[in-house]
Amino acid sequence: MSKIIQIRKRNALYLPKEIIEKMGIREGDKLMVEVSENSIVLRPVKQLKMEEYWSETRPEEVEEVGEEITRQLS
């Protein structure tokens, strides 16, 4: 599927509804922009859900471990 679109104010691109629906893209989704020679390719970026992460770590836990390592090295 090909469509001609126009660059709008502030370099905004608006993708046609039929393309958005076909690709399953929704508001807030992220797209990877790839540029090569005279082509621009947009690819949806899969967003990981929390349950897909190997583990979940809070910033406080990272800080505690860092402080413990610092104490051990002192």
C-alpha atoms as a PDB file:
ATOM      1  CA  MET A   1       0.000   0.000   0.000  1.00  0.00           C
ATOM      2  CA  SER A   2       1.362   3.426  -0.930  1.00  0.00           C
ATOM      3  CA  LYS A   3      -0.016   6.865  -0.139  1.00  0.00           C
ATOM      4  CA  ILE A   4       1.240  10.382  -0.708  1.00  0.00           C
ATOM      5  CA  ILE A   5       1.252  12.506   2.443  1.00  0.00           C
ATOM      6  CA  GLN A   6       2.368  16.058   3.083  1.00  0.00           C
ATOM      7  CA  ILE A   7       4.770  17.485   5.655  1.00  0.00           C
ATOM      8  CA  ARG A   8       2.760  19.821   7.893  1.00  0.00           C
ATOM      9  CA  LYS A   9       3.672  22.614  10.308  1.00  0.00           C
ATOM     10  CA  ARG A  10       6.633  21.850  12.558  1.00  0.00           C
ATOM     11  CA  ASN A  11       7.573  18.904  10.273  1.00  0.00           C
ATOM     12  CA  ALA A  12       4.569  16.858  11.403  1.00  0.00           C
ATOM     13  CA  LEU A  13       3.576  13.761   9.422  1.00  0.00           C
ATOM     14  CA  TYR A  14       0.045  12.409   9.582  1.00  0.00           C
ATOM     15  CA  LEU A  15      -0.384   8.812   8.511  1.00  0.00           C
ATOM     16  CA  PRO A  16      -3.601   7.899   6.716  1.00  0.00           C
ATOM     17  CA  LYS A  17      -6.209   6.068   8.785  1.00  0.00           C
ATOM     18  CA  GLU A  18      -6.183   2.980   6.546  1.00  0.00           C
ATOM     19  CA  ILE A  19      -2.427   2.551   7.047  1.00  0.00           C
ATOM     20  CA  ILE A  20      -2.728   2.979  10.824  1.00  0.00           C
ATOM     21  CA  GLU A  21      -5.522   0.403  10.959  1.00  0.00           C
ATOM     22  CA  LYS A  22      -3.707  -2.055   8.695  1.00  0.00           C
ATOM     23  CA  MET A  23      -0.539  -1.859  10.826  1.00  0.00           C
ATOM     24  CA  GLY A  24      -2.431  -1.985  14.124  1.00  0.00           C
ATOM     25  CA  ILE A  25      -0.808   1.239  15.318  1.00  0.00           C
ATOM     26  CA  ARG A  26      -2.491   3.243  18.070  1.00  0.00           C
ATOM     27  CA  GLU A  27      -1.972   6.669  19.603  1.00  0.00           C
ATOM     28  CA  GLY A  28       1.104   6.598  21.824  1.00  0.00           C
ATOM     29  CA  ASP A  29       2.808   3.734  19.968  1.00  0.00           C
ATOM     30  CA  LYS A  30       6.423   4.289  18.949  1.00  0.00           C
ATOM     31  CA  LEU A  31       7.871   3.952  15.468  1.00  0.00           C
ATOM     32  CA  MET A  32      11.491   3.365  14.446  1.00  0.00           C
ATOM     33  CA  VAL A  33      12.569   5.724  11.641  1.00  0.00           C
ATOM     34  CA  GLU A  34      15.184   4.326   9.259  1.00  0.00           C
ATOM     35  CA  VAL A  35      16.795   6.481   6.582  1.00  0.00           C
ATOM     36  CA  SER A  36      18.841   5.113   3.693  1.00  0.00           C
ATOM     37  CA  GLU A  37      19.891   7.055   0.598  1.00  0.00           C
ATOM     38  CA  ASN A  38      16.512   8.336  -0.659  1.00  0.00           C
ATOM     39  CA  SER A  39      14.118   6.247   1.475  1.00  0.00           C
ATOM     40  CA  ILE A  40      12.426   6.653   4.846  1.00  0.00           C
ATOM     41  CA  VAL A  41      11.015   3.529   6.502  1.00  0.00           C
ATOM     42  CA  LEU A  42       8.771   3.576   9.593  1.00  0.00           C
ATOM     43  CA  ARG A  43       8.564   0.388  11.664  1.00  0.00           C
ATOM     44  CA  PRO A  44       6.404  -0.150  14.759  1.00  0.00           C
ATOM     45  CA  VAL A  45       8.442  -0.753  17.915  1.00  0.00           C
ATOM     46  CA  LYS A  46       7.021  -3.491  20.118  1.00  0.00           C
ATOM     47  CA  GLN A  47       6.438  -2.247  23.645  1.00  0.00           C
ATOM     48  CA  LEU A  48       7.293  -4.760  26.351  1.00  0.00           C
ATOM     49  CA  LYS A  49       4.730  -5.306  29.060  1.00  0.00           C
ATOM     50  CA  MET A  50       5.892  -5.505  32.667  1.00  0.00           C
ATOM     51  CA  GLU A  51       5.344  -9.271  32.774  1.00  0.00           C
ATOM     52  CA  GLU A  52       7.728  -9.683  29.809  1.00  0.00           C
ATOM     53  CA  TYR A  53      10.715  -8.294  31.745  1.00  0.00           C
ATOM     54  CA  TRP A  54      13.067 -10.798  33.356  1.00  0.00           C
ATOM     55  CA  SER A  55      12.910  -8.948  36.630  1.00  0.00           C
ATOM     56  CA  GLU A  56      11.618  -5.735  38.063  1.00  0.00           C
ATOM     57  CA  THR A  57      14.034  -3.614  40.088  1.00  0.00           C
ATOM     58  CA  ARG A  58      13.262  -0.381  41.890  1.00  0.00           C
ATOM     59  CA  PRO A  59      15.821   2.497  41.800  1.00  0.00           C
ATOM     60  CA  GLU A  60      16.149   2.221  45.590  1.00  0.00           C
ATOM     61  CA  GLU A  61      17.313  -1.395  45.264  1.00  0.00           C
ATOM     62  CA  VAL A  62      19.975  -0.403  42.747  1.00  0.00           C
ATOM     63  CA  GLU A  63      21.180   2.372  45.079  1.00  0.00           C
ATOM     64  CA  GLU A  64      21.328  -0.005  48.070  1.00  0.00           C
ATOM     65  CA  VAL A  65      23.438  -2.517  46.126  1.00  0.00           C
ATOM     66  CA  GLY A  66      25.740   0.271  44.923  1.00  0.00           C
ATOM     67  CA  GLU A  67      26.235   1.514  48.489  1.00  0.00           C
ATOM     68  CA  GLU A  68      26.938  -2.028  49.720  1.00  0.00           C
ATOM     69  CA  ILE A  69      29.585  -2.552  47.030  1.00  0.00           C
ATOM     70  CA  THR A  70      31.160   0.804  47.890  1.00  0.00           C
ATOM     71  CA  ARG A  71      31.355  -0.185  51.601  1.00  0.00           C
ATOM     72  CA  GLN A  72      32.968  -3.493  50.678  1.00  0.00           C
ATOM     73  CA  LEU A  73      35.585  -1.802  48.511  1.00  0.00           C
ATOM     74  CA  SER A  74      36.463   0.803  51.189  1.00  0.00           C
END
